[in-house]
C-alpha cells in the first residue's frame, strides 16, 4: 500500500492507514455510483474519503506505468489549486493499493467543505432573485480560466458555494482528477460551460456576464458557448434514451 500524507495532517496517520479496511462499514455514505464518497468524523473534524472504482485492465496498466492515478491527481491538483488561491477542500492524503503489480484500489482524503449550497440548484429554480450568485460565479470562473485552470468536469454538482452575511459569495470546486493547466483560448473557455447547468437560460446569463468581465462580445460569446452546450446535452439525452430502451427490452 502506498500512502502519501500531507505533512499538516500527521496526526491522522493511523486513521488514514486503516481506511481500506474501515471504509466499507464506517462513516456516512454521501454518494455512490461508479465511485463512492463517505464522510468521516475524527477528533472533531469532518473528512471526505473518495474510493475510486477498480479501473479497467488497460487503465490499471496506464495508471501504474504511464500516468498518475485518479487519487494521486486529485491530491496533487488540490495542492496546486490552493497554492494558486483557488478554493478547494484541503487535501489530506491519497492511498494506492496494487494487486498483481498493477493499481487496484485508490482513495483520496480531503477535509469536508462546509459550504451548504451547490450550483446544482440552478438546474431547476431559474435565475430571478439569485443574479448576484451567478455574477459572482462568472467572476470566479474568469479567475479560474485566467490562471490557466481547465476543469474538465465543470458541472453544477462539483461546485459548492456559501453566501455570507456580508453578501460576499465564496466558491469551492470538487472532483479534481480531470483537469488541465494550460493557457486557454477563448473557444476553450466558452466550451468549458458546456456541462455547467442543464438550464440554457442560466448558461446564457453566466456566459454573458463572463464575457462582459473579459471584455468580449457578449452575443458572440453566448453563441459560441451554446455550440458545446447543445452538443453535450444532446449526447446525454441520447445515452439516456439508449439506456431506457435497453432497460425496456430486458
C-alpha atoms as a PDB file:
ATOM      1  CA  UNK A   1       0.000   0.000   0.000  1.00  0.00           C
ATOM      2  CA  UNK A   2       1.297   3.435  -0.944  1.00  0.00           C
ATOM      3  CA  UNK A   3       0.228   6.237   1.380  1.00  0.00           C
ATOM      4  CA  UNK A   4       1.057   9.890   0.718  1.00  0.00           C
ATOM      5  CA  UNK A   5       0.064  12.046   3.673  1.00  0.00           C
ATOM      6  CA  UNK A   6       0.002  15.826   3.752  1.00  0.00           C
ATOM      7  CA  UNK A   7       2.563  16.805   6.423  1.00  0.00           C
ATOM      8  CA  UNK A   8      -0.035  19.083   8.026  1.00  0.00           C
ATOM      9  CA  UNK A   9      -2.091  16.001   8.946  1.00  0.00           C
ATOM     10  CA  UNK A  10       0.483  13.689  10.521  1.00  0.00           C
ATOM     11  CA  UNK A  11      -1.852  13.182  13.482  1.00  0.00           C
ATOM     12  CA  UNK A  12      -4.231  11.312  11.151  1.00  0.00           C
ATOM     13  CA  UNK A  13      -1.719   8.710  10.001  1.00  0.00           C
ATOM     14  CA  UNK A  14      -3.271   5.697  11.756  1.00  0.00           C
ATOM     15  CA  UNK A  15      -6.791   6.767  10.760  1.00  0.00           C
ATOM     16  CA  UNK A  16      -5.695   7.020   7.113  1.00  0.00           C
ATOM     17  CA  UNK A  17      -3.791   3.723   7.161  1.00  0.00           C
ATOM     18  CA  UNK A  18      -6.909   1.906   8.362  1.00  0.00           C
ATOM     19  CA  UNK A  19      -9.200   3.347   5.674  1.00  0.00           C
ATOM     20  CA  UNK A  20      -9.014   0.418   3.221  1.00  0.00           C
ATOM     21  CA  UNK A  21     -10.491  -1.766   5.981  1.00  0.00           C
ATOM     22  CA  UNK A  22     -12.807   0.720   7.666  1.00  0.00           C
ATOM     23  CA  UNK A  23     -14.182   2.464   4.568  1.00  0.00           C
ATOM     24  CA  UNK A  24     -16.973  -0.026   3.676  1.00  0.00           C
ATOM     25  CA  UNK A  25     -18.546  -0.067   7.128  1.00  0.00           C
ATOM     26  CA  UNK A  26     -17.768   3.238   8.842  1.00  0.00           C
ATOM     27  CA  UNK A  27     -18.675   6.794   8.029  1.00  0.00           C
ATOM     28  CA  UNK A  28     -21.705   8.206   6.252  1.00  0.00           C
ATOM     29  CA  UNK A  29     -22.238   7.435   2.568  1.00  0.00           C
ATOM     30  CA  UNK A  30     -22.903  10.721   0.746  1.00  0.00           C
ATOM     31  CA  UNK A  31     -22.620   9.477  -2.849  1.00  0.00           C
ATOM     32  CA  UNK A  32     -22.383   6.097  -4.548  1.00  0.00           C
ATOM     33  CA  UNK A  33     -22.231   5.342  -8.250  1.00  0.00           C
ATOM     34  CA  UNK A  34     -19.068   4.391 -10.120  1.00  0.00           C
ATOM     35  CA  UNK A  35     -17.113   5.815  -7.173  1.00  0.00           C
ATOM     36  CA  UNK A  36     -18.185   6.138  -3.558  1.00  0.00           C
ATOM     37  CA  UNK A  37     -17.839   9.080  -1.171  1.00  0.00           C
ATOM     38  CA  UNK A  38     -18.140   8.695   2.576  1.00  0.00           C
ATOM     39  CA  UNK A  39     -17.899  11.345   5.282  1.00  0.00           C
ATOM     40  CA  UNK A  40     -15.958  10.527   8.435  1.00  0.00           C
ATOM     41  CA  UNK A  41     -15.608  12.384  11.716  1.00  0.00           C
ATOM     42  CA  UNK A  42     -12.304  12.147  13.524  1.00  0.00           C
ATOM     43  CA  UNK A  43     -11.238  14.169  16.553  1.00  0.00           C
ATOM     44  CA  UNK A  44     -13.994  16.699  15.967  1.00  0.00           C
ATOM     45  CA  UNK A  45     -13.185  17.312  12.287  1.00  0.00           C
ATOM     46  CA  UNK A  46     -15.084  16.047   9.230  1.00  0.00           C
ATOM     47  CA  UNK A  47     -13.307  14.455   6.286  1.00  0.00           C
ATOM     48  CA  UNK A  48     -14.498  13.105   2.953  1.00  0.00           C
ATOM     49  CA  UNK A  49     -12.979   9.931   1.559  1.00  0.00           C
ATOM     50  CA  UNK A  50     -13.430   9.051  -2.099  1.00  0.00           C
ATOM     51  CA  UNK A  51     -12.999   5.427  -3.076  1.00  0.00           C
ATOM     52  CA  UNK A  52     -12.394   5.028  -6.791  1.00  0.00           C
ATOM     53  CA  UNK A  53     -13.809   2.160  -8.788  1.00  0.00           C
ATOM     54  CA  UNK A  54     -11.287  -0.536  -9.717  1.00  0.00           C
ATOM     55  CA  UNK A  55     -10.017   0.568 -13.147  1.00  0.00           C
ATOM     56  CA  UNK A  56     -10.363  -1.453 -16.308  1.00  0.00           C
ATOM     57  CA  UNK A  57      -7.264  -3.514 -17.060  1.00  0.00           C
ATOM     58  CA  UNK A  58      -5.935  -1.106 -19.677  1.00  0.00           C
ATOM     59  CA  UNK A  59      -6.254   1.762 -17.211  1.00  0.00           C
ATOM     60  CA  UNK A  60      -4.639  -0.266 -14.435  1.00  0.00           C
ATOM     61  CA  UNK A  61      -1.612  -0.605 -16.703  1.00  0.00           C
ATOM     62  CA  UNK A  62      -1.719   3.075 -17.674  1.00  0.00           C
ATOM     63  CA  UNK A  63      -2.051   4.321 -14.079  1.00  0.00           C
ATOM     64  CA  UNK A  64       0.778   2.062 -12.938  1.00  0.00           C
ATOM     65  CA  UNK A  65       3.344   2.829 -15.632  1.00  0.00           C
ATOM     66  CA  UNK A  66       2.373   5.824 -17.768  1.00  0.00           C
ATOM     67  CA  UNK A  67       0.293   8.386 -15.897  1.00  0.00           C
ATOM     68  CA  UNK A  68      -0.828   9.277 -12.407  1.00  0.00           C
ATOM     69  CA  UNK A  69      -3.891   7.547 -10.991  1.00  0.00           C
ATOM     70  CA  UNK A  70      -7.047   9.454 -10.130  1.00  0.00           C
ATOM     71  CA  UNK A  71      -6.455   9.670  -6.382  1.00  0.00           C
ATOM     72  CA  UNK A  72      -2.938  10.986  -6.845  1.00  0.00           C
ATOM     73  CA  UNK A  73      -4.123  13.559  -9.375  1.00  0.00           C
ATOM     74  CA  UNK A  74      -6.926  14.717  -7.085  1.00  0.00           C
ATOM     75  CA  UNK A  75      -4.425  15.191  -4.246  1.00  0.00           C
ATOM     76  CA  UNK A  76      -1.757  16.951  -6.304  1.00  0.00           C
ATOM     77  CA  UNK A  77      -4.214  19.157  -8.168  1.00  0.00           C
ATOM     78  CA  UNK A  78      -5.808  20.253  -4.883  1.00  0.00           C
ATOM     79  CA  UNK A  79      -2.404  21.336  -3.583  1.00  0.00           C
ATOM     80  CA  UNK A  80      -1.742  23.217  -6.809  1.00  0.00           C
ATOM     81  CA  UNK A  81      -5.117  24.966  -6.857  1.00  0.00           C
ATOM     82  CA  UNK A  82      -4.809  26.113  -3.263  1.00  0.00           C
ATOM     83  CA  UNK A  83      -1.319  27.447  -3.973  1.00  0.00           C
ATOM     84  CA  UNK A  84      -2.891  29.455  -6.819  1.00  0.00           C
ATOM     85  CA  UNK A  85      -5.515  30.920  -4.494  1.00  0.00           C
ATOM     86  CA  UNK A  86      -8.362  28.805  -5.856  1.00  0.00           C
ATOM     87  CA  UNK A  87     -10.567  27.265  -3.211  1.00  0.00           C
ATOM     88  CA  UNK A  88     -10.993  23.509  -2.969  1.00  0.00           C
ATOM     89  CA  UNK A  89     -11.163  21.299   0.136  1.00  0.00           C
ATOM     90  CA  UNK A  90      -7.762  20.854   1.764  1.00  0.00           C
ATOM     91  CA  UNK A  91      -6.146  17.598   0.579  1.00  0.00           C
ATOM     92  CA  UNK A  92      -5.185  15.243   3.396  1.00  0.00           C
ATOM     93  CA  UNK A  93      -3.824  12.106   1.734  1.00  0.00           C
ATOM     94  CA  UNK A  94      -4.128   9.536  -1.005  1.00  0.00           C
ATOM     95  CA  UNK A  95      -3.744   5.774  -0.952  1.00  0.00           C
ATOM     96  CA  UNK A  96      -2.930   3.387  -3.801  1.00  0.00           C
ATOM     97  CA  UNK A  97      -3.176  -0.382  -3.464  1.00  0.00           C
ATOM     98  CA  UNK A  98      -1.721  -2.691  -6.081  1.00  0.00           C
ATOM     99  CA  UNK A  99      -2.687  -6.233  -6.971  1.00  0.00           C
ATOM    100  CA  UNK A 100      -0.596  -8.309  -9.356  1.00  0.00           C
ATOM    101  CA  UNK A 101       1.768  -5.372  -9.715  1.00  0.00           C
ATOM    102  CA  UNK A 102      -0.949  -3.069 -11.072  1.00  0.00           C
ATOM    103  CA  UNK A 103      -3.036  -0.354  -9.471  1.00  0.00           C
ATOM    104  CA  UNK A 104      -6.159  -1.885  -7.943  1.00  0.00           C
ATOM    105  CA  UNK A 105      -7.829   0.333  -5.347  1.00  0.00           C
ATOM    106  CA  UNK A 106      -7.252   4.004  -4.584  1.00  0.00           C
ATOM    107  CA  UNK A 107      -8.591   6.534  -2.100  1.00  0.00           C
ATOM    108  CA  UNK A 108      -8.430  10.314  -1.824  1.00  0.00           C
ATOM    109  CA  UNK A 109      -8.979  12.049   1.515  1.00  0.00           C
ATOM    110  CA  UNK A 110      -9.816  15.723   1.966  1.00  0.00           C
ATOM    111  CA  UNK A 111     -11.319  17.973   4.562  1.00  0.00           C
ATOM    112  CA  UNK A 112     -15.078  18.306   4.262  1.00  0.00           C
ATOM    113  CA  UNK A 113     -16.179  21.566   2.626  1.00  0.00           C
ATOM    114  CA  UNK A 114     -18.705  23.232   4.947  1.00  0.00           C
ATOM    115  CA  UNK A 115     -20.419  25.234   2.208  1.00  0.00           C
ATOM    116  CA  UNK A 116     -24.121  24.376   2.367  1.00  0.00           C
ATOM    117  CA  UNK A 117     -25.183  25.037  -1.217  1.00  0.00           C
ATOM    118  CA  UNK A 118     -24.403  23.532  -4.605  1.00  0.00           C
ATOM    119  CA  UNK A 119     -24.666  25.183  -8.010  1.00  0.00           C
ATOM    120  CA  UNK A 120     -26.908  22.264  -8.979  1.00  0.00           C
ATOM    121  CA  UNK A 121     -29.835  24.249  -7.553  1.00  0.00           C
ATOM    122  CA  UNK A 122     -29.724  26.339 -10.735  1.00  0.00           C
ATOM    123  CA  UNK A 123     -30.670  23.299 -12.800  1.00  0.00           C
ATOM    124  CA  UNK A 124     -34.253  23.740 -11.673  1.00  0.00           C
ATOM    125  CA  UNK A 125     -35.106  27.034  -9.976  1.00  0.00           C
ATOM    126  CA  UNK A 126     -34.206  29.692 -12.536  1.00  0.00           C
ATOM    127  CA  UNK A 127     -32.416  32.990 -12.170  1.00  0.00           C
ATOM    128  CA  UNK A 128     -34.782  35.560 -10.654  1.00  0.00           C
ATOM    129  CA  UNK A 129     -33.609  36.758  -7.248  1.00  0.00           C
ATOM    130  CA  UNK A 130     -30.267  34.962  -7.484  1.00  0.00           C
ATOM    131  CA  UNK A 131     -28.489  37.071 -10.081  1.00  0.00           C
ATOM    132  CA  UNK A 132     -25.809  38.016  -7.548  1.00  0.00           C
ATOM    133  CA  UNK A 133     -24.769  34.377  -7.189  1.00  0.00           C
ATOM    134  CA  UNK A 134     -24.442  33.882 -10.941  1.00  0.00           C
ATOM    135  CA  UNK A 135     -22.469  37.107 -11.332  1.00  0.00           C
ATOM    136  CA  UNK A 136     -20.105  36.018  -8.581  1.00  0.00           C
ATOM    137  CA  UNK A 137     -19.784  32.586 -10.208  1.00  0.00           C
ATOM    138  CA  UNK A 138     -18.909  34.194 -13.544  1.00  0.00           C
ATOM    139  CA  UNK A 139     -16.180  36.208 -11.815  1.00  0.00           C
ATOM    140  CA  UNK A 140     -14.899  33.067 -10.076  1.00  0.00           C
ATOM    141  CA  UNK A 141     -14.706  31.280 -13.433  1.00  0.00           C
ATOM    142  CA  UNK A 142     -12.860  34.214 -15.006  1.00  0.00           C
ATOM    143  CA  UNK A 143     -10.232  33.909 -12.265  1.00  0.00           C
ATOM    144  CA  UNK A 144     -10.020  30.156 -12.829  1.00  0.00           C
ATOM    145  CA  UNK A 145      -9.518  30.499 -16.572  1.00  0.00           C
ATOM    146  CA  UNK A 146      -7.098  33.414 -16.389  1.00  0.00           C
ATOM    147  CA  UNK A 147      -4.923  31.286 -14.107  1.00  0.00           C
ATOM    148  CA  UNK A 148      -4.914  28.530 -16.746  1.00  0.00           C
ATOM    149  CA  UNK A 149      -7.175  26.056 -14.928  1.00  0.00           C
ATOM    150  CA  UNK A 150      -9.392  23.933 -17.175  1.00  0.00           C
ATOM    151  CA  UNK A 151     -11.692  21.747 -15.080  1.00  0.00           C
ATOM    152  CA  UNK A 152     -12.923  19.081 -17.490  1.00  0.00           C
ATOM    153  CA  UNK A 153     -15.912  18.193 -15.306  1.00  0.00           C
ATOM    154  CA  UNK A 154     -17.019  21.753 -14.526  1.00  0.00           C
ATOM    155  CA  UNK A 155     -20.554  20.753 -13.671  1.00  0.00           C
ATOM    156  CA  UNK A 156     -23.017  22.164 -11.159  1.00  0.00           C
ATOM    157  CA  UNK A 157     -22.583  19.158  -8.864  1.00  0.00           C
ATOM    158  CA  UNK A 158     -18.875  19.859  -8.485  1.00  0.00           C
ATOM    159  CA  UNK A 159     -19.229  23.485  -7.358  1.00  0.00           C
ATOM    160  CA  UNK A 160     -20.189  24.334  -3.782  1.00  0.00           C
ATOM    161  CA  UNK A 161     -20.817  27.854  -2.511  1.00  0.00           C
ATOM    162  CA  UNK A 162     -21.756  29.899   0.509  1.00  0.00           C
ATOM    163  CA  UNK A 163     -23.424  33.297   0.652  1.00  0.00           C
ATOM    164  CA  UNK A 164     -22.005  35.064   3.681  1.00  0.00           C
ATOM    165  CA  UNK A 165     -23.590  37.621   5.997  1.00  0.00           C
ATOM    166  CA  UNK A 166     -21.710  40.475   4.345  1.00  0.00           C
ATOM    167  CA  UNK A 167     -23.151  39.500   0.947  1.00  0.00           C
ATOM    168  CA  UNK A 168     -19.925  38.024  -0.440  1.00  0.00           C
ATOM    169  CA  UNK A 169     -20.097  34.626  -2.098  1.00  0.00           C
ATOM    170  CA  UNK A 170     -17.373  32.000  -1.873  1.00  0.00           C
ATOM    171  CA  UNK A 171     -16.999  29.024  -4.207  1.00  0.00           C
ATOM    172  CA  UNK A 172     -15.153  25.728  -3.840  1.00  0.00           C
ATOM    173  CA  UNK A 173     -14.574  23.203  -6.625  1.00  0.00           C
ATOM    174  CA  UNK A 174     -14.587  19.421  -6.263  1.00  0.00           C
ATOM    175  CA  UNK A 175     -13.761  16.275  -8.257  1.00  0.00           C
ATOM    176  CA  UNK A 176     -10.358  17.398  -9.456  1.00  0.00           C
ATOM    177  CA  UNK A 177      -8.822  14.366 -11.141  1.00  0.00           C
ATOM    178  CA  UNK A 178      -9.861  15.541 -14.631  1.00  0.00           C
ATOM    179  CA  UNK A 179      -8.081  18.870 -15.003  1.00  0.00           C
ATOM    180  CA  UNK A 180      -5.581  20.551 -17.264  1.00  0.00           C
ATOM    181  CA  UNK A 181      -3.337  23.504 -16.530  1.00  0.00           C
ATOM    182  CA  UNK A 182      -2.943  25.331 -19.827  1.00  0.00           C
ATOM    183  CA  UNK A 183      -3.132  28.736 -21.444  1.00  0.00           C
ATOM    184  CA  UNK A 184      -6.749  28.812 -22.594  1.00  0.00           C
ATOM    185  CA  UNK A 185      -8.118  30.216 -25.828  1.00  0.00           C
ATOM    186  CA  UNK A 186     -11.490  31.995 -25.818  1.00  0.00           C
ATOM    187  CA  UNK A 187     -13.037  28.956 -27.517  1.00  0.00           C
ATOM    188  CA  UNK A 188     -11.739  26.649 -24.774  1.00  0.00           C
ATOM    189  CA  UNK A 189     -13.023  28.989 -22.083  1.00  0.00           C
ATOM    190  CA  UNK A 190     -16.525  29.177 -23.537  1.00  0.00           C
ATOM    191  CA  UNK A 191     -16.709  25.443 -24.223  1.00  0.00           C
ATOM    192  CA  UNK A 192     -15.965  24.877 -20.531  1.00  0.00           C
ATOM    193  CA  UNK A 193     -19.548  25.933 -19.712  1.00  0.00           C
ATOM    194  CA  UNK A 194     -20.988  23.010 -21.708  1.00  0.00           C
ATOM    195  CA  UNK A 195     -21.961  20.854 -18.724  1.00  0.00           C
ATOM    196  CA  UNK A 196     -22.246  23.557 -16.078  1.00  0.00           C
ATOM    197  CA  UNK A 197     -26.046  23.690 -15.954  1.00  0.00           C
ATOM    198  CA  UNK A 198     -28.939  21.993 -17.744  1.00  0.00           C
ATOM    199  CA  UNK A 199     -30.956  25.242 -17.841  1.00  0.00           C
ATOM    200  CA  UNK A 200     -29.970  27.082 -21.016  1.00  0.00           C
ATOM    201  CA  UNK A 201     -31.200  30.419 -19.650  1.00  0.00           C
ATOM    202  CA  UNK A 202     -28.767  30.122 -16.741  1.00  0.00           C
ATOM    203  CA  UNK A 203     -25.904  29.306 -19.098  1.00  0.00           C
ATOM    204  CA  UNK A 204     -26.763  32.302 -21.274  1.00  0.00           C
ATOM    205  CA  UNK A 205     -26.809  34.590 -18.241  1.00  0.00           C
ATOM    206  CA  UNK A 206     -23.489  33.366 -16.826  1.00  0.00           C
ATOM    207  CA  UNK A 207     -21.692  33.389 -20.162  1.00  0.00           C
ATOM    208  CA  UNK A 208     -22.964  36.893 -20.896  1.00  0.00           C
ATOM    209  CA  UNK A 209     -21.621  38.122 -17.550  1.00  0.00           C
ATOM    210  CA  UNK A 210     -18.374  36.199 -18.054  1.00  0.00           C
ATOM    211  CA  UNK A 211     -17.868  37.780 -21.490  1.00  0.00           C
ATOM    212  CA  UNK A 212     -18.602  41.248 -20.097  1.00  0.00           C
ATOM    213  CA  UNK A 213     -15.959  40.790 -17.400  1.00  0.00           C
ATOM    214  CA  UNK A 214     -13.403  39.728 -20.000  1.00  0.00           C
ATOM    215  CA  UNK A 215     -14.274  42.477 -22.451  1.00  0.00           C
ATOM    216  CA  UNK A 216     -15.544  40.045 -25.076  1.00  0.00           C
ATOM    217  CA  UNK A 217     -18.568  40.424 -27.327  1.00  0.00           C
ATOM    218  CA  UNK A 218     -21.446  39.056 -25.241  1.00  0.00           C
ATOM    219  CA  UNK A 219     -23.695  37.854 -28.071  1.00  0.00           C
ATOM    220  CA  UNK A 220     -20.871  36.133 -29.942  1.00  0.00           C
ATOM    221  CA  UNK A 221     -19.607  34.529 -26.721  1.00  0.00           C
ATOM    222  CA  UNK A 222     -23.046  33.158 -25.840  1.00  0.00           C
ATOM    223  CA  UNK A 223     -23.467  31.756 -29.353  1.00  0.00           C
ATOM    224  CA  UNK A 224     -20.052  30.084 -29.165  1.00  0.00           C
ATOM    225  CA  UNK A 225     -20.698  28.604 -25.712  1.00  0.00           C
ATOM    226  CA  UNK A 226     -24.062  27.197 -26.772  1.00  0.00           C
ATOM    227  CA  UNK A 227     -22.473  25.147 -29.553  1.00  0.00           C
ATOM    228  CA  UNK A 228     -20.644  22.972 -26.999  1.00  0.00           C
ATOM    229  CA  UNK A 229     -23.580  23.153 -24.592  1.00  0.00           C
ATOM    230  CA  UNK A 230     -26.048  21.711 -27.123  1.00  0.00           C
ATOM    231  CA  UNK A 231     -23.573  19.058 -28.274  1.00  0.00           C
ATOM    232  CA  UNK A 232     -23.004  17.880 -24.708  1.00  0.00           C
ATOM    233  CA  UNK A 233     -26.648  17.708 -23.626  1.00  0.00           C
ATOM    234  CA  UNK A 234     -27.680  16.040 -26.891  1.00  0.00           C
ATOM    235  CA  UNK A 235     -25.157  13.266 -26.140  1.00  0.00           C
ATOM    236  CA  UNK A 236     -26.503  12.972 -22.596  1.00  0.00           C
ATOM    237  CA  UNK A 237     -30.080  12.668 -23.839  1.00  0.00           C
ATOM    238  CA  UNK A 238     -29.124  10.070 -26.459  1.00  0.00           C
ATOM    239  CA  UNK A 239     -27.341   7.957 -23.835  1.00  0.00           C
ATOM    240  CA  UNK A 240     -30.351   8.189 -21.531  1.00  0.00           C
ATOM    241  CA  UNK A 241     -32.720   7.182 -24.353  1.00  0.00           C
ATOM    242  CA  UNK A 242     -30.480   4.252 -25.232  1.00  0.00           C
ATOM    243  CA  UNK A 243     -30.387   3.174 -21.569  1.00  0.00           C
ATOM    244  CA  UNK A 244     -34.188   3.313 -21.324  1.00  0.00           C
ATOM    245  CA  UNK A 245     -34.662   1.283 -24.496  1.00  0.00           C
ATOM    246  CA  UNK A 246     -32.207  -1.315 -23.233  1.00  0.00           C
ATOM    247  CA  UNK A 247     -33.999  -1.452 -19.890  1.00  0.00           C
ATOM    248  CA  UNK A 248     -37.386  -1.949 -21.564  1.00  0.00           C
ATOM    249  CA  UNK A 249     -36.019  -4.675 -23.801  1.00  0.00           C
ATOM    250  CA  UNK A 250     -34.529  -6.670 -20.948  1.00  0.00           C
END
